[in-house]
Protein backbone atom coordinates (compact mmCIF):
# COMPACT_ATOMS: atom_id res chain seq x y z
CA UNK A 1 6.60 130.49 40.84
CA UNK A 2 10.32 130.97 42.30
CA UNK A 3 8.95 131.96 45.87
CA UNK A 4 7.05 128.57 45.81
CA UNK A 5 10.31 126.72 45.27
CA UNK A 6 12.13 129.09 47.85
CA UNK A 7 9.47 127.83 50.75
CA UNK A 8 9.90 124.38 50.02
CA UNK A 9 13.80 124.66 50.79
CA UNK A 10 13.02 126.33 54.30
CA UNK A 11 15.66 125.53 57.31
CA UNK A 12 14.98 125.53 60.96
CA UNK A 13 14.39 128.59 62.77
CA UNK A 14 17.79 130.32 62.58
CA UNK A 15 19.08 129.26 59.21
CA UNK A 16 17.48 131.21 56.54
CA UNK A 17 17.89 131.65 52.54
CA UNK A 18 19.11 134.60 51.22
CA UNK A 19 17.64 136.84 48.28
CA UNK A 20 20.60 138.61 46.60
CA UNK A 21 20.24 142.21 46.07
CA UNK A 22 18.08 145.08 47.42
CA UNK A 23 15.42 146.39 45.37
CA UNK A 24 16.37 144.26 42.19
CA UNK A 25 19.84 145.91 42.69
CA UNK A 26 23.27 143.65 42.99
CA UNK A 27 25.28 143.39 46.45
CA UNK A 28 28.59 144.24 46.10
CA UNK A 29 30.83 142.04 48.29
CA UNK A 30 33.19 144.25 50.71
CA UNK A 31 35.79 143.63 53.33
CA UNK A 32 36.15 145.72 56.68
CA UNK A 33 39.07 144.75 59.01
CA UNK A 34 39.16 145.06 62.74
CA UNK A 35 41.69 143.57 65.36
CA UNK A 36 40.96 141.54 68.31
CA UNK A 37 38.91 142.93 71.00
CA UNK A 38 37.47 145.69 68.89
CA UNK A 39 33.94 146.66 67.87
CA UNK A 40 32.64 146.43 64.20
CA UNK A 41 30.07 149.12 63.50
CA UNK A 42 27.69 148.70 60.25
CA UNK A 43 25.25 150.92 58.89
CA UNK A 44 22.73 149.18 56.46
CA UNK A 45 20.29 151.34 54.01
CA UNK A 46 17.24 150.44 53.52
CA UNK A 47 14.10 152.03 51.53
CA UNK A 48 12.33 154.72 54.17
CA UNK A 49 9.40 152.41 55.82
CA UNK A 50 5.78 154.30 56.64
CA UNK A 51 3.68 150.96 56.46
CA UNK A 52 3.80 147.50 58.60
CA UNK A 53 6.79 146.95 60.20
CA UNK A 54 9.31 144.83 58.16
CA UNK A 55 12.14 143.27 60.44
CA UNK A 56 15.69 143.79 60.07
CA UNK A 57 18.30 141.12 60.77
CA UNK A 58 22.18 140.48 60.97
CA UNK A 59 23.34 136.97 59.91
CA UNK A 60 26.56 134.84 59.04
CA UNK A 61 26.88 133.06 55.86
CA UNK A 62 27.21 129.58 56.44
CA UNK A 63 27.23 128.27 53.05
CA UNK A 64 25.88 129.82 49.70
CA UNK A 65 22.67 130.77 50.03
CA UNK A 66 22.29 129.95 53.60
CA UNK A 67 22.53 132.46 56.44
CA UNK A 68 22.61 132.22 60.48
CA UNK A 69 20.74 134.79 62.04
CA UNK A 70 22.47 136.55 64.76
CA UNK A 71 20.51 139.19 65.93
CA UNK A 72 16.75 140.52 64.59
CA UNK A 73 14.84 143.56 65.18
CA UNK A 74 11.41 143.30 66.66
CA UNK A 75 9.96 146.87 66.76
CA UNK A 76 11.54 150.45 65.14
CA UNK A 77 13.94 152.42 67.82
CA UNK A 78 14.28 149.69 69.77
CA UNK A 79 17.66 148.08 70.14
CA UNK A 80 17.79 144.25 70.26
CA UNK A 81 21.23 142.48 72.04
CA UNK A 82 22.53 138.78 71.64
CA UNK A 83 25.69 137.91 72.75
CA UNK A 84 27.82 140.44 71.14
CA UNK A 85 25.51 141.34 68.46
CA UNK A 86 23.12 144.58 68.75
CA UNK A 87 21.01 145.91 66.16
CA UNK A 88 18.91 149.28 66.26
CA UNK A 89 16.24 150.13 63.45
CA UNK A 90 15.33 153.41 62.18
CA UNK A 91 12.65 152.56 59.39
CA UNK A 92 11.48 155.87 58.68
CA UNK A 93 15.01 157.36 57.89
CA UNK A 94 15.47 154.27 55.94
CA UNK A 95 18.64 152.95 57.52
CA UNK A 96 19.62 150.44 60.61
CA UNK A 97 22.96 149.97 62.86
CA UNK A 98 24.76 146.99 63.72
CA UNK A 99 27.19 146.52 66.44
CA UNK A 100 29.71 143.26 66.95
CA UNK A 101 31.70 143.81 70.29
CA UNK A 102 34.76 141.78 71.86
CA UNK A 103 35.64 140.77 68.26
CA UNK A 104 37.89 137.57 68.29
CA UNK A 105 40.05 135.69 65.66
CA UNK A 106 37.14 133.22 64.91
CA UNK A 107 34.49 135.95 63.77
CA UNK A 108 36.42 136.11 60.90
CA UNK A 109 33.70 135.22 58.16
CA UNK A 110 30.98 136.49 55.82
CA UNK A 111 28.21 138.58 57.37
CA UNK A 112 24.72 140.12 55.57
CA UNK A 113 22.47 142.66 56.81
CA UNK A 114 19.13 142.66 55.38
CA UNK A 115 15.26 143.00 55.63
CA UNK A 116 13.72 139.49 57.10
CA UNK A 117 10.52 137.95 56.06
CA UNK A 118 9.67 135.69 58.92
CA UNK A 119 6.56 134.08 57.17
CA UNK A 120 8.83 132.96 54.19
CA UNK A 121 11.88 132.64 56.21
CA UNK A 122 13.77 134.80 53.81
CA UNK A 123 16.63 137.64 53.84
CA UNK A 124 16.60 140.56 51.43
CA UNK A 125 20.34 141.55 51.47
CA UNK A 126 21.29 144.79 51.59
CA UNK A 127 25.16 144.41 52.66
CA UNK A 128 27.53 141.58 51.79
CA UNK A 129 30.48 141.86 54.41
CA UNK A 130 33.80 139.91 54.74
CA UNK A 131 34.81 140.39 58.32
CA UNK A 132 38.86 140.31 58.81
CA UNK A 133 40.02 139.98 62.34
CA UNK A 134 43.60 140.34 63.17
CA UNK A 135 45.75 139.88 66.32
CA UNK A 136 45.73 143.27 68.15
CA UNK A 137 49.30 145.22 68.25
CA UNK A 138 51.49 146.16 70.98
CA UNK A 139 53.79 149.48 70.42
CA UNK A 140 57.68 148.65 72.16
CA UNK A 141 59.50 150.93 73.50
CA UNK A 142 61.54 151.58 70.22
CA UNK A 143 57.88 152.71 68.52
CA UNK A 144 57.73 149.59 66.38
CA UNK A 145 54.81 147.25 66.53
CA UNK A 146 54.25 143.68 67.19
CA UNK A 147 51.27 140.95 67.48
CA UNK A 148 50.39 140.29 71.05
CA UNK A 149 51.55 137.79 72.75
CA UNK A 150 50.36 135.74 76.03
CA UNK A 151 51.64 136.23 79.86
CA UNK A 152 54.21 133.22 79.66
CA UNK A 153 55.84 134.33 76.49
CA UNK A 154 56.38 138.01 77.73
CA UNK A 155 57.70 136.65 80.96
CA UNK A 156 60.17 134.30 78.81
CA UNK A 157 61.58 136.92 76.63
CA UNK A 158 61.18 140.07 79.07
CA UNK A 159 64.05 142.01 76.99
CA UNK A 160 61.97 144.64 75.52
CA UNK A 161 61.19 145.92 78.82
CA UNK A 162 64.46 147.17 79.25
CA UNK A 163 66.38 149.91 77.24
CA UNK A 164 68.97 148.32 74.54
CA UNK A 165 72.89 149.46 74.31
CA UNK A 166 73.35 153.21 73.63
CA UNK A 167 72.87 153.80 70.17
CA UNK A 168 76.20 154.96 67.85
CA UNK A 169 74.77 158.63 67.77
CA UNK A 170 74.56 158.88 71.34
CA UNK A 171 78.36 157.96 71.68
CA UNK A 172 79.15 160.34 68.77
CA UNK A 173 77.49 163.27 70.64
CA UNK A 174 79.44 162.48 73.94
CA UNK A 175 82.55 162.26 72.22
CA UNK A 176 82.00 165.79 70.26
CA UNK A 177 81.19 167.28 73.52
CA UNK A 178 84.50 166.00 75.22
CA UNK A 179 86.39 167.25 72.45
CA UNK A 180 85.00 170.69 72.58
CA UNK A 181 85.39 170.91 76.51
CA UNK A 182 89.18 169.93 75.98
CA UNK A 183 89.39 172.31 73.07
CA UNK A 184 87.84 175.30 75.18
CA UNK A 185 89.97 174.72 78.03
CA UNK A 186 93.26 174.93 75.67
CA UNK A 187 91.96 177.96 74.43
CA UNK A 188 91.43 179.55 78.06
CA UNK A 189 95.35 178.41 78.75
CA UNK A 190 96.39 180.24 75.73
CA UNK A 191 94.89 183.46 76.67
CA UNK A 192 96.20 183.56 80.00
CA UNK A 193 99.94 182.48 78.99
CA UNK A 194 99.92 185.42 76.18
CA UNK A 195 98.88 187.95 79.11
CA UNK A 196 101.24 186.44 81.56
CA UNK A 197 104.77 185.83 79.43
CA UNK A 198 105.32 189.86 79.08
CA UNK A 199 105.56 190.54 82.64
CA UNK A 200 107.93 188.01 83.39
CA UNK A 201 110.33 189.54 80.67
CA UNK A 202 110.15 192.79 82.22
CA UNK A 203 110.75 191.68 85.45
CA UNK A 204 114.02 190.20 84.40
CA UNK A 205 116.08 193.08 82.59
CA UNK A 206 119.43 193.48 83.10
CA UNK A 207 121.19 197.06 84.34
């Protein structure tokens, strides 16, 4: 039988064989994107389980058909943590949750969640996820975003910490304000002169 052939190909404890699909269904690969330092949260669905407990696992694919287990459940409703990986299973509800914290760029790769058959060293795959981890972005004072850099590079550039030269829009606003103020002063002078001149003509009338 096919299962007998798979038993002959078993690898050491962490490296397991993959069975594509859950309940005979094809698993469609998907891509998830996160940033460095972020957290990946994955929910995997399985058939509701009432009988003997079936372990769930999260693994990283090393080659087609081969996967290294990163964290595996031990019993229902109990979180298991291994380094940056945590898994928690609710078999009666038919789902389990995996988290990866403090993501790094080297975490980029293909990950799978599924049920684990320890006697046959097999994983029945529920989800096939390609994880892409990008550098974190820093928002500059001008509102644009740029990849994060180390401290030495920030110290050398340093210019982004200081405001740049005034924008043309600001200079135009200042000039417009000055012209408006000058026009207002001239208007006031004209009004004053219009009231003052008639009184001067009446004062110097001859006999």
